[in-house]
Structure formats: C-alpha cells, structure tokens
Amino acid sequence: MKRFILTSFTLFQFYVAGLGQEKSYKQPATLGIHFVFNDFATAQLIRSSSLSSVLKDKRFGKLKDMSQGLAISYGNGISETFDFSSTIAGSFLSYPFRDKPESGSDYLLLELDASIRGKMLPDKYWFVPYIQVGVGISKYQDYWGTFIPAGVGIQISFFGEAYLLINSQYRIAVSEAANYHFIHSIGLVGNIGRRS
C-alpha cells in the first residue's frame, strides 16, 4: 500500500509540474533560401504621382518590370511574438540611381539587412501574419547605400520544423547612392536550432 501511495504521489507531482510548464513557442534559429523580385518601377511611379493613381491605373507590381534574384536568411526568436531576421540578397540588374542615368548594363546588387519581425500570433499557429522593420546596406559596383526595410508578410508553418515565408517590403532610401524600391520574396526556412 505504501508503494502504491508513493507511486501515485510521484506521478501526481509530475502531472502538476507538467501543468505549470507551457510549451515555449519562441522560434529556434532558422536558415532559409528565398526568391526575390526587385520592383523599382512601381516605387518610382508612386513617388512621381500617388499610390491611388498607380492602383487606379493598374500599374502596381508588374512582374515584367521586376528583376529577380536569390537571398539567404538567418532568423532567431527573441520572444513568442518577436524574431530577429537577417538577409543577404543578390540580383543582377541595371540599378536606377536617383540622380544619374541607368548604366544599361547589369551588375550585381548586394543588399544586407537586419530587422525585427513582429508576429501577430505565436509560432504555435500554422498561419502567422507579421510586420517587419530594420536597417540595411547595399552595394552596386563601387556605390554603397543605406536603406530602411519596412514591410509585411505571412509565415506558414510545416509542423513547426519548416516555414514558408511570403514577404513584401518597401525599402526606403537613406543615402544618396540608394534608391526607393519594393522587394517581394517567397522562401523556405528550416530550423537549425532547438526550440527553447
């Protein structure tokens, strides 16, 4: 009888301890690859007229006006609803400087950014919308620029081990060697760390 009571008490203690510990949904370290689409044309149209006229004339985000590239990302959860994210993207294009004519030749545009992603739901949900803002630098030939990436996206979870990220950002030029543009991306991200 004493053995039964001791076993029951021990099992009860494990049960109570388990109730007190909720599963953490802070995102572990992740690594991903993304297809990116650079849209300088829409940003220029909006700046020269207005967003409403660009939407009314159906000139927003024409795929034929975008240049494609690839990006690699690293992410890590800060809390259940905030993640750190860093991305390096590369695209071959003719960069439209704000005060200079286009070169007409395609060169490599490298963009590196670090940002904070604010999720509207924790990672325990399979569909998580988020907003994102950060800082970034770009290099095109001998020109270095700085920008602020601000955007929105959705994260679709595959059993908490991998994620599909769909993101759209407006890159706000800070320095003279940078130009305003949109960057849209779709990518697959996988866990490389353990969930804490």
C-alpha atoms as a PDB file:
ATOM      1  CA  MET A   1       0.000   0.000   0.000  1.00  0.00           C
ATOM      2  CA  LYS A   2       2.853   2.395   0.854  1.00  0.00           C
ATOM      3  CA  ARG A   3       4.404   1.666  -2.538  1.00  0.00           C
ATOM      4  CA  PHE A   4       1.099   2.460  -4.286  1.00  0.00           C
ATOM      5  CA  ILE A   5       0.724   5.775  -2.381  1.00  0.00           C
ATOM      6  CA  LEU A   6       4.348   6.733  -3.088  1.00  0.00           C
ATOM      7  CA  THR A   7       3.959   5.906  -6.809  1.00  0.00           C
ATOM      8  CA  SER A   8       0.656   7.802  -7.015  1.00  0.00           C
ATOM      9  CA  PHE A   9       2.152  10.830  -5.243  1.00  0.00           C
ATOM     10  CA  THR A  10       5.192  10.819  -7.572  1.00  0.00           C
ATOM     11  CA  LEU A  11       3.003  10.610 -10.693  1.00  0.00           C
ATOM     12  CA  PHE A  12       0.794  13.419  -9.329  1.00  0.00           C
ATOM     13  CA  GLN A  13       3.897  15.607  -8.810  1.00  0.00           C
ATOM     14  CA  PHE A  14       5.000  15.022 -12.425  1.00  0.00           C
ATOM     15  CA  TYR A  15       1.466  15.863 -13.620  1.00  0.00           C
ATOM     16  CA  VAL A  16       1.343  19.132 -11.616  1.00  0.00           C
ATOM     17  CA  ALA A  17       4.851  20.088 -12.773  1.00  0.00           C
ATOM     18  CA  GLY A  18       3.774  19.480 -16.372  1.00  0.00           C
ATOM     19  CA  LEU A  19       0.731  21.731 -15.957  1.00  0.00           C
ATOM     20  CA  GLY A  20       2.936  24.572 -14.723  1.00  0.00           C
ATOM     21  CA  GLN A  21       5.168  24.442 -17.786  1.00  0.00           C
ATOM     22  CA  GLU A  22       3.666  25.678 -21.007  1.00  0.00           C
ATOM     23  CA  LYS A  23       5.387  24.729 -24.221  1.00  0.00           C
ATOM     24  CA  SER A  24       7.523  27.591 -25.500  1.00  0.00           C
ATOM     25  CA  TYR A  25       6.756  28.817 -29.000  1.00  0.00           C
ATOM     26  CA  LYS A  26       9.820  31.015 -29.377  1.00  0.00           C
ATOM     27  CA  GLN A  27      11.230  30.320 -32.825  1.00  0.00           C
ATOM     28  CA  PRO A  28      14.586  28.483 -32.835  1.00  0.00           C
ATOM     29  CA  ALA A  29      17.449  29.541 -35.097  1.00  0.00           C
ATOM     30  CA  THR A  30      16.492  29.179 -38.761  1.00  0.00           C
ATOM     31  CA  LEU A  31      18.215  29.267 -42.141  1.00  0.00           C
ATOM     32  CA  GLY A  32      16.385  29.874 -45.401  1.00  0.00           C
ATOM     33  CA  ILE A  33      16.591  30.490 -49.131  1.00  0.00           C
ATOM     34  CA  HIS A  34      14.312  32.917 -50.962  1.00  0.00           C
ATOM     35  CA  PHE A  35      13.462  34.028 -54.476  1.00  0.00           C
ATOM     36  CA  VAL A  36      13.344  37.842 -54.597  1.00  0.00           C
ATOM     37  CA  PHE A  37      11.734  40.277 -57.020  1.00  0.00           C
ATOM     38  CA  ASN A  38      13.064  43.877 -57.090  1.00  0.00           C
ATOM     39  CA  ASP A  39      10.488  46.453 -58.169  1.00  0.00           C
ATOM     40  CA  PHE A  40      11.998  49.892 -58.779  1.00  0.00           C
ATOM     41  CA  ALA A  41       9.374  50.854 -61.387  1.00  0.00           C
ATOM     42  CA  THR A  42       6.347  50.839 -59.061  1.00  0.00           C
ATOM     43  CA  ALA A  43       8.213  52.785 -56.365  1.00  0.00           C
ATOM     44  CA  GLN A  44       9.177  55.438 -58.959  1.00  0.00           C
ATOM     45  CA  LEU A  45       5.591  55.685 -60.241  1.00  0.00           C
ATOM     46  CA  ILE A  46       4.250  56.173 -56.709  1.00  0.00           C
ATOM     47  CA  ARG A  47       6.857  58.835 -55.928  1.00  0.00           C
ATOM     48  CA  SER A  48       6.161  60.736 -59.177  1.00  0.00           C
ATOM     49  CA  SER A  49       2.343  60.575 -58.869  1.00  0.00           C
ATOM     50  CA  SER A  50       0.494  58.846 -55.998  1.00  0.00           C
ATOM     51  CA  LEU A  51      -0.357  55.393 -54.721  1.00  0.00           C
ATOM     52  CA  SER A  52      -4.039  55.842 -55.540  1.00  0.00           C
ATOM     53  CA  SER A  53      -3.325  56.750 -59.181  1.00  0.00           C
ATOM     54  CA  VAL A  54      -0.918  53.810 -59.577  1.00  0.00           C
ATOM     55  CA  LEU A  55      -3.565  51.441 -58.178  1.00  0.00           C
ATOM     56  CA  LYS A  56      -6.347  53.049 -60.244  1.00  0.00           C
ATOM     57  CA  ASP A  57      -4.302  52.701 -63.446  1.00  0.00           C
ATOM     58  CA  LYS A  58      -3.400  49.082 -62.515  1.00  0.00           C
ATOM     59  CA  ARG A  59       0.340  49.780 -62.749  1.00  0.00           C
ATOM     60  CA  PHE A  60       1.309  48.339 -59.341  1.00  0.00           C
ATOM     61  CA  GLY A  61       3.780  45.447 -59.304  1.00  0.00           C
ATOM     62  CA  LYS A  62       4.062  44.366 -62.919  1.00  0.00           C
ATOM     63  CA  LEU A  63       6.216  41.219 -62.989  1.00  0.00           C
ATOM     64  CA  LYS A  64       7.752  42.213 -66.328  1.00  0.00           C
ATOM     65  CA  ASP A  65       9.227  45.337 -64.653  1.00  0.00           C
ATOM     66  CA  MET A  66      10.919  43.381 -61.851  1.00  0.00           C
ATOM     67  CA  SER A  67      14.393  41.877 -61.681  1.00  0.00           C
ATOM     68  CA  GLN A  68      14.853  38.546 -59.946  1.00  0.00           C
ATOM     69  CA  GLY A  69      17.462  37.342 -57.503  1.00  0.00           C
ATOM     70  CA  LEU A  70      18.203  34.997 -54.612  1.00  0.00           C
ATOM     71  CA  ALA A  71      18.555  35.589 -50.895  1.00  0.00           C
ATOM     72  CA  ILE A  72      19.750  33.666 -47.850  1.00  0.00           C
ATOM     73  CA  SER A  73      18.271  34.425 -44.451  1.00  0.00           C
ATOM     74  CA  TYR A  74      19.061  33.726 -40.819  1.00  0.00           C
ATOM     75  CA  GLY A  75      16.475  34.147 -38.088  1.00  0.00           C
ATOM     76  CA  ASN A  76      16.148  33.590 -34.359  1.00  0.00           C
ATOM     77  CA  GLY A  77      13.291  34.086 -31.920  1.00  0.00           C
ATOM     78  CA  ILE A  78      13.597  36.870 -29.353  1.00  0.00           C
ATOM     79  CA  SER A  79      10.240  36.088 -27.717  1.00  0.00           C
ATOM     80  CA  GLU A  80       6.993  34.358 -28.703  1.00  0.00           C
ATOM     81  CA  THR A  81       5.968  37.279 -30.902  1.00  0.00           C
ATOM     82  CA  PHE A  82       9.269  38.894 -31.948  1.00  0.00           C
ATOM     83  CA  ASP A  83      12.033  37.423 -34.137  1.00  0.00           C
ATOM     84  CA  PHE A  84      15.393  38.756 -35.301  1.00  0.00           C
ATOM     85  CA  SER A  85      15.949  38.322 -39.035  1.00  0.00           C
ATOM     86  CA  SER A  86      18.935  38.989 -41.288  1.00  0.00           C
ATOM     87  CA  THR A  87      19.024  38.579 -45.060  1.00  0.00           C
ATOM     88  CA  ILE A  88      21.634  38.893 -47.789  1.00  0.00           C
ATOM     89  CA  ALA A  89      20.192  39.190 -51.303  1.00  0.00           C
ATOM     90  CA  GLY A  90      21.844  39.298 -54.708  1.00  0.00           C
ATOM     91  CA  SER A  91      20.365  40.320 -58.061  1.00  0.00           C
ATOM     92  CA  PHE A  92      21.848  41.177 -61.444  1.00  0.00           C
ATOM     93  CA  LEU A  93      20.226  44.385 -62.729  1.00  0.00           C
ATOM     94  CA  SER A  94      20.783  47.854 -64.103  1.00  0.00           C
ATOM     95  CA  TYR A  95      20.450  49.968 -60.960  1.00  0.00           C
ATOM     96  CA  PRO A  96      18.330  53.112 -61.411  1.00  0.00           C
ATOM     97  CA  PHE A  97      20.221  55.738 -59.388  1.00  0.00           C
ATOM     98  CA  ARG A  98      18.055  58.696 -58.386  1.00  0.00           C
ATOM     99  CA  ASP A  99      20.203  61.436 -59.962  1.00  0.00           C
ATOM    100  CA  LYS A 100      22.046  59.502 -62.660  1.00  0.00           C
ATOM    101  CA  PRO A 101      21.036  57.717 -65.854  1.00  0.00           C
ATOM    102  CA  GLU A 102      20.941  53.925 -65.798  1.00  0.00           C
ATOM    103  CA  SER A 103      24.138  52.267 -66.941  1.00  0.00           C
ATOM    104  CA  GLY A 104      22.269  49.968 -69.324  1.00  0.00           C
ATOM    105  CA  SER A 105      24.387  47.022 -68.185  1.00  0.00           C
ATOM    106  CA  ASP A 106      23.519  44.511 -65.495  1.00  0.00           C
ATOM    107  CA  TYR A 107      25.764  44.302 -62.446  1.00  0.00           C
ATOM    108  CA  LEU A 108      25.398  42.561 -59.103  1.00  0.00           C
ATOM    109  CA  LEU A 109      23.325  44.383 -56.497  1.00  0.00           C
ATOM    110  CA  LEU A 110      24.029  43.067 -52.981  1.00  0.00           C
ATOM    111  CA  GLU A 111      21.714  44.033 -50.128  1.00  0.00           C
ATOM    112  CA  LEU A 112      22.208  43.077 -46.478  1.00  0.00           C
ATOM    113  CA  ASP A 113      19.594  43.868 -43.863  1.00  0.00           C
ATOM    114  CA  ALA A 114      18.867  43.164 -40.209  1.00  0.00           C
ATOM    115  CA  SER A 115      15.346  43.559 -38.909  1.00  0.00           C
ATOM    116  CA  ILE A 116      12.839  42.749 -36.210  1.00  0.00           C
ATOM    117  CA  ARG A 117       9.754  40.788 -37.171  1.00  0.00           C
ATOM    118  CA  GLY A 118       6.663  41.402 -35.009  1.00  0.00           C
ATOM    119  CA  LYS A 119       4.303  38.451 -35.317  1.00  0.00           C
ATOM    120  CA  MET A 120       0.603  38.852 -34.675  1.00  0.00           C
ATOM    121  CA  LEU A 121       0.392  35.300 -33.305  1.00  0.00           C
ATOM    122  CA  PRO A 122       2.926  32.928 -31.702  1.00  0.00           C
ATOM    123  CA  ASP A 123       4.516  30.118 -33.715  1.00  0.00           C
ATOM    124  CA  LYS A 124       2.067  27.504 -32.397  1.00  0.00           C
ATOM    125  CA  TYR A 125      -0.323  28.649 -35.136  1.00  0.00           C
ATOM    126  CA  TRP A 126       0.211  27.390 -38.676  1.00  0.00           C
ATOM    127  CA  PHE A 127      -0.592  30.783 -40.274  1.00  0.00           C
ATOM    128  CA  VAL A 128       1.125  33.843 -38.758  1.00  0.00           C
ATOM    129  CA  PRO A 129       0.948  37.364 -40.261  1.00  0.00           C
ATOM    130  CA  TYR A 130       3.772  39.730 -39.313  1.00  0.00           C
ATOM    131  CA  ILE A 131       5.215  43.211 -39.804  1.00  0.00           C
ATOM    132  CA  GLN A 132       8.926  43.878 -40.202  1.00  0.00           C
ATOM    133  CA  VAL A 133      11.267  46.875 -39.912  1.00  0.00           C
ATOM    134  CA  GLY A 134      15.051  47.190 -39.805  1.00  0.00           C
ATOM    135  CA  VAL A 135      18.190  48.700 -41.320  1.00  0.00           C
ATOM    136  CA  GLY A 136      20.173  47.729 -44.397  1.00  0.00           C
ATOM    137  CA  ILE A 137      23.147  48.429 -46.643  1.00  0.00           C
ATOM    138  CA  SER A 138      23.565  47.897 -50.365  1.00  0.00           C
ATOM    139  CA  LYS A 139      26.498  47.637 -52.764  1.00  0.00           C
ATOM    140  CA  TYR A 140      26.285  48.148 -56.507  1.00  0.00           C
ATOM    141  CA  GLN A 141      29.623  48.383 -58.344  1.00  0.00           C
ATOM    142  CA  ASP A 142      31.583  50.965 -56.289  1.00  0.00           C
ATOM    143  CA  TYR A 143      28.491  52.547 -54.705  1.00  0.00           C
ATOM    144  CA  TRP A 144      27.430  51.855 -51.123  1.00  0.00           C
ATOM    145  CA  GLY A 145      23.959  52.806 -49.933  1.00  0.00           C
ATOM    146  CA  THR A 146      21.807  52.581 -46.813  1.00  0.00           C
ATOM    147  CA  PHE A 147      18.082  51.929 -46.559  1.00  0.00           C
ATOM    148  CA  ILE A 148      15.282  51.096 -44.126  1.00  0.00           C
ATOM    149  CA  PRO A 149      13.316  47.932 -44.979  1.00  0.00           C
ATOM    150  CA  ALA A 150       9.685  48.074 -43.809  1.00  0.00           C
ATOM    151  CA  GLY A 151       7.097  45.520 -44.766  1.00  0.00           C
ATOM    152  CA  VAL A 152       4.547  42.827 -44.100  1.00  0.00           C
ATOM    153  CA  GLY A 153       4.451  39.097 -44.582  1.00  0.00           C
ATOM    154  CA  ILE A 154       2.979  35.757 -43.657  1.00  0.00           C
ATOM    155  CA  GLN A 155       4.620  32.697 -42.169  1.00  0.00           C
ATOM    156  CA  ILE A 156       3.088  29.288 -42.906  1.00  0.00           C
ATOM    157  CA  SER A 157       4.327  26.552 -40.593  1.00  0.00           C
ATOM    158  CA  PHE A 158       5.006  22.941 -41.544  1.00  0.00           C
ATOM    159  CA  PHE A 159       4.783  21.146 -38.170  1.00  0.00           C
ATOM    160  CA  GLY A 160       6.983  23.789 -36.501  1.00  0.00           C
ATOM    161  CA  GLU A 161      10.074  22.461 -38.317  1.00  0.00           C
ATOM    162  CA  ALA A 162       9.968  24.449 -41.564  1.00  0.00           C
ATOM    163  CA  TYR A 163       8.182  27.590 -42.729  1.00  0.00           C
ATOM    164  CA  LEU A 164       7.079  29.160 -45.981  1.00  0.00           C
ATOM    165  CA  LEU A 165       7.683  32.921 -45.793  1.00  0.00           C
ATOM    166  CA  ILE A 166       5.965  35.333 -48.179  1.00  0.00           C
ATOM    167  CA  ASN A 167       7.174  38.897 -47.701  1.00  0.00           C
ATOM    168  CA  SER A 168       6.772  42.310 -49.279  1.00  0.00           C
ATOM    169  CA  GLN A 169       8.955  45.257 -48.230  1.00  0.00           C
ATOM    170  CA  TYR A 170       9.331  48.879 -49.179  1.00  0.00           C
ATOM    171  CA  ARG A 171      12.986  49.836 -48.992  1.00  0.00           C
ATOM    172  CA  ILE A 172      13.254  53.488 -48.006  1.00  0.00           C
ATOM    173  CA  ALA A 173      16.442  55.083 -49.318  1.00  0.00           C
ATOM    174  CA  VAL A 174      18.503  56.860 -46.657  1.00  0.00           C
ATOM    175  CA  SER A 175      21.713  57.695 -48.530  1.00  0.00           C
ATOM    176  CA  GLU A 176      22.157  59.295 -51.950  1.00  0.00           C
ATOM    177  CA  ALA A 177      23.513  56.085 -53.501  1.00  0.00           C
ATOM    178  CA  ALA A 178      20.347  54.146 -52.635  1.00  0.00           C
ATOM    179  CA  ASN A 179      17.011  54.243 -54.435  1.00  0.00           C
ATOM    180  CA  TYR A 180      13.476  53.574 -53.216  1.00  0.00           C
ATOM    181  CA  HIS A 181      12.092  50.203 -54.254  1.00  0.00           C
ATOM    182  CA  PHE A 182       9.896  47.297 -53.341  1.00  0.00           C
ATOM    183  CA  ILE A 183      11.288  43.837 -52.792  1.00  0.00           C
ATOM    184  CA  HIS A 184       8.950  40.851 -52.757  1.00  0.00           C
ATOM    185  CA  SER A 185      10.124  37.404 -51.722  1.00  0.00           C
ATOM    186  CA  ILE A 186       8.988  33.854 -51.231  1.00  0.00           C
ATOM    187  CA  GLY A 187      11.190  31.353 -49.452  1.00  0.00           C
ATOM    188  CA  LEU A 188      11.529  28.173 -47.464  1.00  0.00           C
ATOM    189  CA  VAL A 189      13.051  28.386 -43.985  1.00  0.00           C
ATOM    190  CA  GLY A 190      14.058  25.462 -41.767  1.00  0.00           C
ATOM    191  CA  ASN A 191      15.036  25.102 -38.126  1.00  0.00           C
ATOM    192  CA  ILE A 192      18.766  24.734 -37.432  1.00  0.00           C
ATOM    193  CA  GLY A 193      18.454  25.135 -33.674  1.00  0.00           C
ATOM    194  CA  ARG A 194      16.378  23.590 -30.933  1.00  0.00           C
ATOM    195  CA  ARG A 195      13.181  25.147 -29.671  1.00  0.00           C
ATOM    196  CA  SER A 196      13.740  26.569 -26.177  1.00  0.00           C
END
